[in-house]
């Protein structure tokens, strides 16, 4: 229940003035964002690898991948109270990183059928969608990290707002950005796939 209380408290304190806070980043905030984006890169690699393995080597049942994702999501949410203010034990942090890896791999497995279908339509769509979403996300993220006067990405602003309130949970912050990146990728993939289907008709 501590996780739900954190969400309610965050929603009450979330104001437009806090989101549009354009003060310069401190060194601590930059280090926190670098941790977040490093974990985001690892999660993206795990997703790509699990998707590749599922398509070409070992077909994992979708029910099992869904259950892994559900279990890891609840386990990660349940462990939030330990790490909310940076007081996590090293063992708890390792478990939480494993939960994050479980979510990343399950998402890769669950997306693999659609990715295989789009790859069947036109193999050039997949790298285009991947590098397109990566470049869009990277531009926003790098400007959010290195800009001294403004934050560009909405979730980066929310993350910094939470960090200033004392929430140093970089794993949950990277989950938010990871889901943004996956959403952007699937959206671009869907648009490009629909365009290719129209060409073939």
N, C-alpha and C. Protein backbone atom coordinates (compact mmCIF):
# COMPACT_ATOMS: atom_id res chain seq x y z
N UNK A 1 0.81 -1.20 0.00
CA UNK A 1 0.00 0.00 0.00
C UNK A 1 0.86 1.27 0.00
N UNK A 2 2.13 1.12 0.40
CA UNK A 2 3.00 2.28 0.42
C UNK A 2 3.18 2.85 -0.99
N UNK A 3 3.20 1.96 -1.98
CA UNK A 3 3.34 2.38 -3.37
C UNK A 3 2.16 3.24 -3.79
N UNK A 4 0.95 2.84 -3.42
CA UNK A 4 -0.25 3.61 -3.77
C UNK A 4 -0.26 4.96 -3.05
N UNK A 5 0.21 4.98 -1.81
CA UNK A 5 0.30 6.26 -1.08
C UNK A 5 1.29 7.20 -1.75
N UNK A 6 2.39 6.65 -2.25
CA UNK A 6 3.38 7.47 -2.96
C UNK A 6 2.77 8.08 -4.21
N UNK A 7 1.98 7.29 -4.93
CA UNK A 7 1.34 7.80 -6.16
C UNK A 7 0.35 8.90 -5.82
N UNK A 8 -0.47 8.69 -4.79
CA UNK A 8 -1.45 9.71 -4.40
C UNK A 8 -0.76 11.00 -3.97
N UNK A 9 0.31 10.86 -3.17
CA UNK A 9 1.04 12.04 -2.71
C UNK A 9 1.66 12.78 -3.90
N UNK A 10 2.20 12.01 -4.83
CA UNK A 10 2.82 12.62 -6.01
C UNK A 10 1.78 13.36 -6.84
N UNK A 11 0.59 12.79 -6.98
CA UNK A 11 -0.46 13.44 -7.77
C UNK A 11 -0.91 14.75 -7.13
N UNK A 12 -0.97 14.78 -5.79
CA UNK A 12 -1.38 16.01 -5.11
C UNK A 12 -0.35 17.12 -5.29
N UNK A 13 0.93 16.74 -5.26
CA UNK A 13 2.00 17.74 -5.35
C UNK A 13 2.37 18.11 -6.78
N UNK A 14 1.84 17.39 -7.74
CA UNK A 14 2.18 17.63 -9.14
C UNK A 14 1.40 18.83 -9.66
N UNK A 15 2.12 19.92 -9.83
CA UNK A 15 1.51 21.15 -10.32
C UNK A 15 2.24 21.59 -11.57
N UNK A 16 1.59 22.40 -12.36
CA UNK A 16 2.20 22.87 -13.60
C UNK A 16 3.47 23.66 -13.32
N UNK A 17 3.50 24.40 -12.22
CA UNK A 17 4.70 25.19 -11.90
C UNK A 17 5.90 24.28 -11.60
N UNK A 18 5.65 23.11 -11.00
CA UNK A 18 6.74 22.18 -10.74
C UNK A 18 7.23 21.51 -12.02
N UNK A 19 6.31 21.23 -12.93
CA UNK A 19 6.69 20.58 -14.19
C UNK A 19 7.46 21.55 -15.07
N UNK A 20 7.08 22.81 -15.05
CA UNK A 20 7.74 23.82 -15.89
C UNK A 20 8.89 24.51 -15.16
N UNK A 21 9.50 23.81 -14.23
CA UNK A 21 10.64 24.33 -13.50
C UNK A 21 11.87 24.26 -14.40
N UNK A 22 12.38 25.41 -14.82
CA UNK A 22 13.49 25.45 -15.77
C UNK A 22 14.81 25.82 -15.09
N UNK A 23 14.95 25.48 -13.82
CA UNK A 23 16.20 25.79 -13.14
C UNK A 23 17.30 24.85 -13.62
N UNK A 24 18.56 25.29 -13.55
CA UNK A 24 19.67 24.45 -14.03
C UNK A 24 19.78 23.15 -13.24
N UNK A 25 20.34 22.14 -13.89
CA UNK A 25 20.54 20.85 -13.23
C UNK A 25 21.75 20.90 -12.32
N UNK A 26 21.63 20.29 -11.15
CA UNK A 26 22.78 20.15 -10.26
C UNK A 26 23.56 18.91 -10.68
N UNK A 27 24.77 18.76 -10.13
CA UNK A 27 25.57 17.57 -10.44
C UNK A 27 24.89 16.29 -9.98
N UNK A 28 24.23 16.34 -8.81
CA UNK A 28 23.51 15.16 -8.31
C UNK A 28 22.39 14.76 -9.26
N UNK A 29 21.67 15.76 -9.76
CA UNK A 29 20.57 15.47 -10.70
C UNK A 29 21.11 14.89 -12.00
N UNK A 30 22.22 15.41 -12.47
CA UNK A 30 22.82 14.86 -13.70
C UNK A 30 23.27 13.42 -13.50
N UNK A 31 23.89 13.14 -12.35
CA UNK A 31 24.32 11.76 -12.06
C UNK A 31 23.12 10.82 -12.00
N UNK A 32 22.04 11.30 -11.39
CA UNK A 32 20.82 10.50 -11.30
C UNK A 32 20.27 10.21 -12.70
N UNK A 33 20.24 11.22 -13.56
CA UNK A 33 19.74 11.03 -14.92
C UNK A 33 20.65 10.10 -15.73
N UNK A 34 21.96 10.17 -15.50
CA UNK A 34 22.88 9.27 -16.20
C UNK A 34 22.64 7.82 -15.78
N UNK A 35 22.37 7.60 -14.48
CA UNK A 35 22.02 6.26 -14.01
C UNK A 35 20.74 5.77 -14.69
N UNK A 36 19.77 6.66 -14.77
CA UNK A 36 18.48 6.30 -15.37
C UNK A 36 18.67 5.92 -16.83
N UNK A 37 19.38 6.75 -17.58
CA UNK A 37 19.55 6.49 -19.01
C UNK A 37 20.48 5.30 -19.27
N UNK A 38 21.42 5.04 -18.37
CA UNK A 38 22.24 3.83 -18.50
C UNK A 38 21.40 2.57 -18.34
N UNK A 39 20.53 2.58 -17.33
CA UNK A 39 19.63 1.45 -17.12
C UNK A 39 18.63 1.32 -18.27
N UNK A 40 18.21 2.45 -18.81
CA UNK A 40 17.31 2.44 -19.96
C UNK A 40 17.99 1.77 -21.16
N UNK A 41 19.26 2.05 -21.38
CA UNK A 41 20.00 1.42 -22.48
C UNK A 41 20.11 -0.09 -22.27
N UNK A 42 20.38 -0.50 -21.04
CA UNK A 42 20.46 -1.93 -20.73
C UNK A 42 19.10 -2.60 -20.97
N UNK A 43 18.03 -1.96 -20.52
CA UNK A 43 16.69 -2.50 -20.73
C UNK A 43 16.34 -2.64 -22.20
N UNK A 44 16.75 -1.66 -23.00
CA UNK A 44 16.50 -1.72 -24.44
C UNK A 44 17.27 -2.87 -25.08
N UNK A 45 18.51 -3.08 -24.65
CA UNK A 45 19.29 -4.20 -25.19
C UNK A 45 18.68 -5.54 -24.80
N UNK A 46 18.20 -5.65 -23.56
CA UNK A 46 17.56 -6.89 -23.11
C UNK A 46 16.30 -7.16 -23.92
N UNK A 47 15.52 -6.11 -24.18
CA UNK A 47 14.30 -6.26 -24.97
C UNK A 47 14.63 -6.73 -26.38
N UNK A 48 15.62 -6.11 -27.01
CA UNK A 48 16.00 -6.49 -28.37
C UNK A 48 16.52 -7.92 -28.42
N UNK A 49 17.33 -8.30 -27.45
CA UNK A 49 17.89 -9.65 -27.41
C UNK A 49 16.80 -10.70 -27.20
N UNK A 50 15.89 -10.44 -26.27
CA UNK A 50 14.82 -11.42 -26.01
C UNK A 50 13.89 -11.53 -27.21
N UNK A 51 13.65 -10.43 -27.90
CA UNK A 51 12.83 -10.46 -29.11
C UNK A 51 13.53 -11.28 -30.19
N UNK A 52 14.81 -11.08 -30.37
CA UNK A 52 15.59 -11.81 -31.37
C UNK A 52 15.59 -13.31 -31.07
N UNK A 53 15.82 -13.65 -29.81
CA UNK A 53 15.83 -15.07 -29.41
C UNK A 53 14.47 -15.70 -29.64
N UNK A 54 13.40 -14.97 -29.32
CA UNK A 54 12.05 -15.50 -29.49
C UNK A 54 11.70 -15.71 -30.97
N UNK A 55 12.17 -14.83 -31.83
CA UNK A 55 11.85 -14.95 -33.26
C UNK A 55 12.66 -16.06 -33.91
N UNK A 56 13.95 -16.15 -33.63
CA UNK A 56 14.83 -17.03 -34.39
C UNK A 56 15.23 -18.34 -33.70
N UNK A 57 15.15 -18.42 -32.39
CA UNK A 57 15.67 -19.61 -31.72
C UNK A 57 14.64 -20.36 -30.88
N UNK A 58 14.06 -19.71 -29.91
CA UNK A 58 13.21 -20.38 -28.94
C UNK A 58 11.89 -19.64 -28.80
N UNK A 59 10.81 -20.25 -29.23
CA UNK A 59 9.49 -19.61 -29.14
C UNK A 59 8.96 -19.79 -27.72
N UNK A 60 8.83 -18.71 -27.00
CA UNK A 60 8.34 -18.75 -25.62
C UNK A 60 6.85 -18.46 -25.63
N UNK A 61 6.05 -19.28 -24.92
CA UNK A 61 4.60 -19.04 -24.90
C UNK A 61 4.27 -17.65 -24.35
N UNK A 62 3.31 -16.99 -24.97
CA UNK A 62 2.94 -15.63 -24.59
C UNK A 62 2.36 -15.56 -23.19
N UNK A 63 1.68 -16.62 -22.78
CA UNK A 63 1.12 -16.65 -21.43
C UNK A 63 2.23 -16.57 -20.39
N UNK A 64 3.30 -17.31 -20.62
CA UNK A 64 4.43 -17.30 -19.68
C UNK A 64 5.08 -15.92 -19.66
N UNK A 65 5.26 -15.32 -20.82
CA UNK A 65 5.85 -13.97 -20.87
C UNK A 65 4.94 -12.96 -20.16
N UNK A 66 3.63 -13.10 -20.33
CA UNK A 66 2.69 -12.20 -19.65
C UNK A 66 2.76 -12.38 -18.14
N UNK A 67 2.86 -13.62 -17.69
CA UNK A 67 2.95 -13.88 -16.25
C UNK A 67 4.27 -13.35 -15.68
N UNK A 68 5.35 -13.50 -16.43
CA UNK A 68 6.65 -12.96 -15.98
C UNK A 68 6.56 -11.44 -15.84
N UNK A 69 5.97 -10.81 -16.85
CA UNK A 69 5.81 -9.35 -16.81
C UNK A 69 4.95 -8.92 -15.63
N UNK A 70 3.86 -9.62 -15.41
CA UNK A 70 2.95 -9.29 -14.31
C UNK A 70 3.63 -9.48 -12.96
N UNK A 71 4.31 -10.62 -12.78
CA UNK A 71 5.00 -10.89 -11.53
C UNK A 71 6.08 -9.84 -11.26
N UNK A 72 6.90 -9.57 -12.27
CA UNK A 72 8.00 -8.61 -12.09
C UNK A 72 7.46 -7.20 -11.82
N UNK A 73 6.36 -6.84 -12.47
CA UNK A 73 5.77 -5.51 -12.24
C UNK A 73 5.28 -5.37 -10.81
N UNK A 74 4.56 -6.38 -10.31
CA UNK A 74 4.07 -6.32 -8.93
C UNK A 74 5.21 -6.39 -7.93
N UNK A 75 6.21 -7.22 -8.20
CA UNK A 75 7.35 -7.32 -7.30
C UNK A 75 8.13 -6.01 -7.25
N UNK A 76 8.29 -5.37 -8.40
CA UNK A 76 8.99 -4.09 -8.44
C UNK A 76 8.19 -3.00 -7.72
N UNK A 77 6.88 -2.99 -7.95
CA UNK A 77 6.03 -2.00 -7.26
C UNK A 77 6.01 -2.25 -5.76
N UNK A 78 6.03 -3.51 -5.35
CA UNK A 78 6.03 -3.83 -3.92
C UNK A 78 7.33 -3.48 -3.23
N UNK A 79 8.41 -3.43 -3.97
CA UNK A 79 9.70 -3.12 -3.37
C UNK A 79 10.04 -1.63 -3.41
N UNK A 80 9.10 -0.82 -3.85
CA UNK A 80 9.37 0.62 -3.96
C UNK A 80 9.62 1.29 -2.62
N UNK A 81 8.96 0.84 -1.58
CA UNK A 81 9.09 1.51 -0.29
C UNK A 81 10.51 1.42 0.24
N UNK A 82 11.26 0.37 -0.14
CA UNK A 82 12.63 0.22 0.34
C UNK A 82 13.58 1.21 -0.32
N UNK A 83 13.31 1.57 -1.53
CA UNK A 83 14.29 2.35 -2.28
C UNK A 83 13.83 3.77 -2.57
N UNK A 84 12.69 4.15 -2.05
CA UNK A 84 12.13 5.46 -2.40
C UNK A 84 13.07 6.60 -2.04
N UNK A 85 13.73 6.49 -0.92
CA UNK A 85 14.60 7.58 -0.49
C UNK A 85 16.07 7.18 -0.51
N UNK A 86 16.41 6.21 -1.34
CA UNK A 86 17.82 5.85 -1.51
C UNK A 86 18.38 4.98 -0.42
N UNK A 87 17.53 4.39 0.43
CA UNK A 87 18.01 3.57 1.52
C UNK A 87 17.95 2.08 1.21
N UNK A 88 17.96 1.71 -0.04
CA UNK A 88 17.81 0.31 -0.43
C UNK A 88 19.05 -0.49 -0.06
N UNK A 89 18.82 -1.70 0.41
CA UNK A 89 19.92 -2.61 0.64
C UNK A 89 20.46 -3.09 -0.70
N UNK A 90 21.76 -3.41 -0.78
CA UNK A 90 22.30 -3.89 -2.06
C UNK A 90 21.58 -5.12 -2.60
N UNK A 91 21.15 -6.03 -1.69
CA UNK A 91 20.43 -7.23 -2.13
C UNK A 91 19.10 -6.83 -2.76
N UNK A 92 18.40 -5.89 -2.13
CA UNK A 92 17.11 -5.43 -2.66
C UNK A 92 17.31 -4.75 -4.01
N UNK A 93 18.39 -4.00 -4.16
CA UNK A 93 18.65 -3.33 -5.44
C UNK A 93 18.92 -4.35 -6.54
N UNK A 94 19.66 -5.41 -6.22
CA UNK A 94 19.93 -6.45 -7.22
C UNK A 94 18.64 -7.14 -7.64
N UNK A 95 17.78 -7.42 -6.67
CA UNK A 95 16.49 -8.04 -6.99
C UNK A 95 15.66 -7.12 -7.87
N UNK A 96 15.66 -5.86 -7.55
CA UNK A 96 14.87 -4.90 -8.33
C UNK A 96 15.41 -4.78 -9.75
N UNK A 97 16.73 -4.86 -9.91
CA UNK A 97 17.31 -4.85 -11.26
C UNK A 97 16.91 -6.10 -12.03
N UNK A 98 16.83 -7.23 -11.33
CA UNK A 98 16.35 -8.46 -11.98
C UNK A 98 14.89 -8.33 -12.39
N UNK A 99 14.08 -7.69 -11.56
CA UNK A 99 12.67 -7.46 -11.93
C UNK A 99 12.59 -6.58 -13.18
N UNK A 100 13.43 -5.56 -13.22
CA UNK A 100 13.46 -4.68 -14.40
C UNK A 100 13.86 -5.47 -15.64
N UNK A 101 14.87 -6.33 -15.50
CA UNK A 101 15.29 -7.16 -16.63
C UNK A 101 14.19 -8.12 -17.04
N UNK A 102 13.43 -8.64 -16.07
CA UNK A 102 12.31 -9.52 -16.38
C UNK A 102 11.23 -8.81 -17.17
N UNK A 103 10.92 -7.58 -16.77
CA UNK A 103 9.92 -6.79 -17.50
C UNK A 103 10.42 -6.50 -18.92
N UNK A 104 11.68 -6.12 -19.04
CA UNK A 104 12.25 -5.81 -20.36
C UNK A 104 12.23 -7.02 -21.28
N UNK A 105 12.61 -8.18 -20.75
CA UNK A 105 12.63 -9.37 -21.61
C UNK A 105 11.21 -9.81 -21.96
N UNK A 106 10.27 -9.71 -21.03
CA UNK A 106 8.89 -10.09 -21.33
C UNK A 106 8.28 -9.18 -22.40
N UNK A 107 8.59 -7.90 -22.34
CA UNK A 107 8.08 -6.98 -23.37
C UNK A 107 8.67 -7.33 -24.73
N UNK A 108 9.95 -7.69 -24.76
CA UNK A 108 10.56 -8.12 -26.02
C UNK A 108 9.90 -9.35 -26.59
N UNK A 109 9.58 -10.30 -25.74
CA UNK A 109 8.91 -11.53 -26.18
C UNK A 109 7.50 -11.21 -26.68
N UNK A 110 6.79 -10.37 -25.95
CA UNK A 110 5.41 -10.05 -26.34
C UNK A 110 5.33 -9.24 -27.63
N UNK A 111 6.37 -8.47 -27.93
CA UNK A 111 6.37 -7.68 -29.17
C UNK A 111 6.91 -8.46 -30.37
N UNK A 112 7.50 -9.61 -30.13
CA UNK A 112 8.23 -10.30 -31.20
C UNK A 112 7.36 -10.72 -32.37
N UNK A 113 6.12 -11.14 -32.14
CA UNK A 113 5.26 -11.55 -33.26
C UNK A 113 4.97 -10.38 -34.20
N UNK A 114 4.67 -9.23 -33.61
CA UNK A 114 4.38 -8.06 -34.44
C UNK A 114 5.64 -7.60 -35.19
N UNK A 115 6.76 -7.66 -34.51
CA UNK A 115 8.02 -7.28 -35.16
C UNK A 115 8.34 -8.24 -36.30
N UNK A 116 8.09 -9.54 -36.10
CA UNK A 116 8.32 -10.52 -37.17
C UNK A 116 7.40 -10.25 -38.36
N UNK A 117 6.15 -9.86 -38.07
CA UNK A 117 5.20 -9.56 -39.14
C UNK A 117 5.65 -8.34 -39.95
N UNK A 118 6.05 -7.28 -39.25
CA UNK A 118 6.50 -6.07 -39.94
C UNK A 118 7.79 -6.36 -40.71
N UNK A 119 8.65 -7.18 -40.15
CA UNK A 119 9.87 -7.58 -40.84
C UNK A 119 9.55 -8.38 -42.10
N UNK A 120 8.48 -9.16 -42.06
CA UNK A 120 8.04 -9.92 -43.23
C UNK A 120 7.51 -8.97 -44.32
N UNK A 121 6.78 -7.92 -43.89
CA UNK A 121 6.26 -6.95 -44.86
C UNK A 121 7.39 -6.27 -45.62
N UNK A 122 8.33 -5.73 -44.86
CA UNK A 122 9.47 -5.04 -45.46
C UNK A 122 10.58 -4.99 -44.42
N UNK A 123 11.68 -5.67 -44.65
CA UNK A 123 12.76 -5.70 -43.65
C UNK A 123 13.38 -4.34 -43.34
N UNK A 124 13.20 -3.37 -44.22
CA UNK A 124 13.81 -2.06 -43.95
C UNK A 124 13.00 -1.23 -42.95
N UNK A 125 11.77 -1.64 -42.64
CA UNK A 125 10.94 -0.88 -41.70
C UNK A 125 11.49 -0.96 -40.28
N UNK A 126 11.94 -2.14 -39.90
CA UNK A 126 12.38 -2.35 -38.52
C UNK A 126 13.56 -1.45 -38.12
N UNK A 127 14.66 -1.42 -38.89
CA UNK A 127 15.73 -0.49 -38.50
C UNK A 127 15.31 0.97 -38.58
N UNK A 128 14.44 1.28 -39.54
CA UNK A 128 13.96 2.66 -39.65
C UNK A 128 13.17 3.07 -38.41
N UNK A 129 12.27 2.20 -37.96
CA UNK A 129 11.49 2.50 -36.76
C UNK A 129 12.38 2.54 -35.52
N UNK A 130 13.33 1.61 -35.44
CA UNK A 130 14.21 1.56 -34.27
C UNK A 130 15.08 2.80 -34.19
N UNK A 131 15.78 3.11 -35.27
CA UNK A 131 16.68 4.26 -35.24
C UNK A 131 15.91 5.58 -35.23
N UNK A 132 14.73 5.58 -35.81
CA UNK A 132 13.89 6.78 -35.75
C UNK A 132 13.45 7.07 -34.33
N UNK A 133 12.94 6.05 -33.63
CA UNK A 133 12.51 6.27 -32.25
C UNK A 133 13.70 6.54 -31.35
N UNK A 134 14.83 5.88 -31.62
CA UNK A 134 16.03 6.11 -30.82
C UNK A 134 16.55 7.52 -31.00
N UNK A 135 16.53 8.02 -32.24
CA UNK A 135 17.03 9.38 -32.47
C UNK A 135 16.10 10.42 -31.87
N UNK A 136 14.79 10.23 -32.01
CA UNK A 136 13.85 11.17 -31.40
C UNK A 136 14.03 11.19 -29.89
N UNK A 137 14.06 10.00 -29.29
CA UNK A 137 14.19 9.90 -27.84
C UNK A 137 15.54 10.43 -27.38
N UNK A 138 16.60 10.13 -28.12
CA UNK A 138 17.94 10.59 -27.73
C UNK A 138 18.05 12.11 -27.79
N UNK A 139 17.48 12.70 -28.83
CA UNK A 139 17.54 14.17 -28.94
C UNK A 139 16.86 14.83 -27.75
N UNK A 140 15.67 14.35 -27.42
CA UNK A 140 14.97 14.92 -26.27
C UNK A 140 15.72 14.65 -24.97
N UNK A 141 16.24 13.44 -24.83
CA UNK A 141 16.90 13.07 -23.59
C UNK A 141 18.22 13.80 -23.41
N UNK A 142 19.03 13.87 -24.46
CA UNK A 142 20.31 14.57 -24.35
C UNK A 142 20.12 16.05 -24.08
N UNK A 143 19.12 16.63 -24.72
CA UNK A 143 18.88 18.04 -24.43
C UNK A 143 18.38 18.22 -23.01
N UNK A 144 17.67 17.23 -22.49
CA UNK A 144 17.22 17.31 -21.10
C UNK A 144 18.38 17.16 -20.13
N UNK A 145 19.36 16.33 -20.48
CA UNK A 145 20.50 16.12 -19.58
C UNK A 145 21.50 17.26 -19.65
N UNK A 146 21.85 17.69 -20.86
CA UNK A 146 22.96 18.63 -21.01
C UNK A 146 22.55 20.09 -21.08
N UNK A 147 21.29 20.37 -21.23
CA UNK A 147 20.86 21.75 -21.27
C UNK A 147 20.92 22.34 -19.87
N UNK A 148 21.44 23.54 -19.77
CA UNK A 148 21.54 24.17 -18.46
C UNK A 148 20.28 24.95 -18.11
N UNK A 149 19.43 25.21 -19.07
CA UNK A 149 18.32 26.11 -18.81
C UNK A 149 16.94 25.48 -18.92
N UNK A 150 16.82 24.30 -19.49
CA UNK A 150 15.47 23.75 -19.64
C UNK A 150 15.51 22.24 -19.72
N UNK A 151 14.36 21.65 -19.46
CA UNK A 151 14.16 20.22 -19.62
C UNK A 151 13.17 20.06 -20.76
N UNK A 152 13.41 19.10 -21.62
CA UNK A 152 12.55 18.94 -22.78
C UNK A 152 11.54 17.83 -22.57
N UNK A 153 11.98 16.71 -22.11
CA UNK A 153 11.12 15.54 -22.02
C UNK A 153 10.25 15.63 -20.78
N UNK A 154 8.94 15.41 -20.95
CA UNK A 154 7.99 15.54 -19.84
C UNK A 154 8.35 14.60 -18.70
N UNK A 155 8.62 13.33 -18.99
CA UNK A 155 8.94 12.39 -17.91
C UNK A 155 10.28 12.70 -17.26
N UNK A 156 11.18 13.34 -17.98
CA UNK A 156 12.43 13.78 -17.35
C UNK A 156 12.13 14.87 -16.33
N UNK A 157 11.20 15.74 -16.65
CA UNK A 157 10.81 16.78 -15.70
C UNK A 157 10.16 16.16 -14.46
N UNK A 158 9.30 15.18 -14.67
CA UNK A 158 8.65 14.50 -13.55
C UNK A 158 9.70 13.79 -12.70
N UNK A 159 10.67 13.15 -13.35
CA UNK A 159 11.74 12.46 -12.64
C UNK A 159 12.54 13.44 -11.79
N UNK A 160 12.88 14.58 -12.37
CA UNK A 160 13.65 15.57 -11.61
C UNK A 160 12.82 16.17 -10.48
N UNK A 161 11.54 16.33 -10.70
CA UNK A 161 10.65 16.81 -9.64
C UNK A 161 10.64 15.81 -8.49
N UNK A 162 10.53 14.52 -8.81
CA UNK A 162 10.58 13.48 -7.77
C UNK A 162 11.93 13.47 -7.07
N UNK A 163 13.00 13.61 -7.83
CA UNK A 163 14.34 13.59 -7.25
C UNK A 163 14.52 14.74 -6.27
N UNK A 164 14.02 15.91 -6.62
CA UNK A 164 14.13 17.07 -5.73
C UNK A 164 13.31 16.89 -4.46
N UNK A 165 12.27 16.05 -4.54
CA UNK A 165 11.47 15.75 -3.35
C UNK A 165 12.11 14.66 -2.50
N UNK A 166 13.20 14.07 -2.99
CA UNK A 166 13.90 13.05 -2.21
C UNK A 166 13.77 11.64 -2.75
N UNK A 167 13.05 11.44 -3.83
CA UNK A 167 12.88 10.11 -4.41
C UNK A 167 14.07 9.80 -5.31
N UNK A 168 14.96 8.94 -4.84
CA UNK A 168 16.17 8.60 -5.60
C UNK A 168 16.05 7.22 -6.26
N UNK A 169 14.85 6.78 -6.50
CA UNK A 169 14.60 5.45 -7.07
C UNK A 169 14.80 5.49 -8.58
N UNK A 170 16.05 5.30 -9.00
CA UNK A 170 16.36 5.40 -10.43
C UNK A 170 15.77 4.25 -11.23
N UNK A 171 15.48 3.13 -10.59
CA UNK A 171 14.91 1.99 -11.33
C UNK A 171 13.49 2.31 -11.77
N UNK A 172 12.67 2.84 -10.88
CA UNK A 172 11.30 3.20 -11.26
C UNK A 172 11.29 4.36 -12.25
N UNK A 173 12.21 5.29 -12.09
CA UNK A 173 12.28 6.39 -13.05
C UNK A 173 12.67 5.89 -14.43
N UNK A 174 13.59 4.91 -14.48
CA UNK A 174 13.96 4.39 -15.80
C UNK A 174 12.85 3.53 -16.39
N UNK A 175 12.01 2.91 -15.56
CA UNK A 175 10.85 2.17 -16.09
C UNK A 175 9.92 3.13 -16.82
N UNK A 176 9.69 4.31 -16.25
CA UNK A 176 8.82 5.31 -16.91
C UNK A 176 9.37 5.68 -18.28
N UNK A 177 10.65 5.97 -18.35
CA UNK A 177 11.26 6.35 -19.62
C UNK A 177 11.34 5.17 -20.58
N UNK A 178 11.57 3.98 -20.04
CA UNK A 178 11.61 2.77 -20.88
C UNK A 178 10.25 2.54 -21.55
N UNK A 179 9.18 2.70 -20.80
CA UNK A 179 7.85 2.53 -21.38
C UNK A 179 7.56 3.61 -22.43
N UNK A 180 8.08 4.82 -22.22
CA UNK A 180 7.96 5.86 -23.25
C UNK A 180 8.67 5.45 -24.54
N UNK A 181 9.88 4.92 -24.39
CA UNK A 181 10.65 4.51 -25.57
C UNK A 181 9.98 3.35 -26.30
N UNK A 182 9.48 2.37 -25.55
CA UNK A 182 8.78 1.24 -26.17
C UNK A 182 7.52 1.72 -26.87
N UNK A 183 6.79 2.63 -26.23
CA UNK A 183 5.59 3.18 -26.85
C UNK A 183 5.89 3.94 -28.13
N UNK A 184 6.95 4.72 -28.11
CA UNK A 184 7.36 5.47 -29.31
C UNK A 184 7.76 4.52 -30.43
N UNK A 185 8.51 3.48 -30.09
CA UNK A 185 8.94 2.50 -31.09
C UNK A 185 7.75 1.77 -31.70
N UNK A 186 6.83 1.29 -30.87
CA UNK A 186 5.69 0.55 -31.41
C UNK A 186 4.78 1.46 -32.23
N UNK A 187 4.68 2.71 -31.82
CA UNK A 187 3.86 3.66 -32.59
C UNK A 187 4.46 3.89 -33.98
N UNK A 188 5.76 4.13 -34.04
CA UNK A 188 6.43 4.31 -35.33
C UNK A 188 6.35 3.04 -36.18
N UNK A 189 6.51 1.89 -35.53
CA UNK A 189 6.44 0.62 -36.24
C UNK A 189 5.05 0.41 -36.84
N UNK A 190 4.02 0.76 -36.08
CA UNK A 190 2.64 0.62 -36.57
C UNK A 190 2.38 1.53 -37.76
N UNK A 191 2.83 2.78 -37.65
CA UNK A 191 2.62 3.74 -38.75
C UNK A 191 3.33 3.26 -40.02
N UNK A 192 4.60 2.86 -39.88
CA UNK A 192 5.35 2.41 -41.05
C UNK A 192 4.81 1.10 -41.60
N UNK A 193 4.35 0.20 -40.71
CA UNK A 193 3.77 -1.05 -41.16
C UNK A 193 2.47 -0.85 -41.92
N UNK A 194 1.62 0.06 -41.43
CA UNK A 194 0.36 0.36 -42.13
C UNK A 194 0.63 0.99 -43.49
N UNK A 195 1.63 1.83 -43.55
CA UNK A 195 2.00 2.46 -44.82
C UNK A 195 2.46 1.40 -45.83
N UNK A 196 3.23 0.43 -45.35
CA UNK A 196 3.71 -0.64 -46.23
C UNK A 196 2.57 -1.55 -46.68
N UNK A 197 1.61 -1.81 -45.78
CA UNK A 197 0.45 -2.63 -46.16
C UNK A 197 -0.36 -1.94 -47.25
N UNK A 198 -0.51 -0.62 -47.14
CA UNK A 198 -1.26 0.12 -48.17
C UNK A 198 -0.53 0.07 -49.51
N UNK A 199 0.80 0.11 -49.48
CA UNK A 199 1.58 0.03 -50.73
C UNK A 199 1.37 -1.32 -51.41
N UNK A 200 1.30 -2.38 -50.60
CA UNK A 200 1.18 -3.72 -51.17
C UNK A 200 -0.22 -4.00 -51.71
N UNK A 201 -1.23 -3.24 -51.27
CA UNK A 201 -2.60 -3.45 -51.76
C UNK A 201 -2.80 -2.79 -53.04
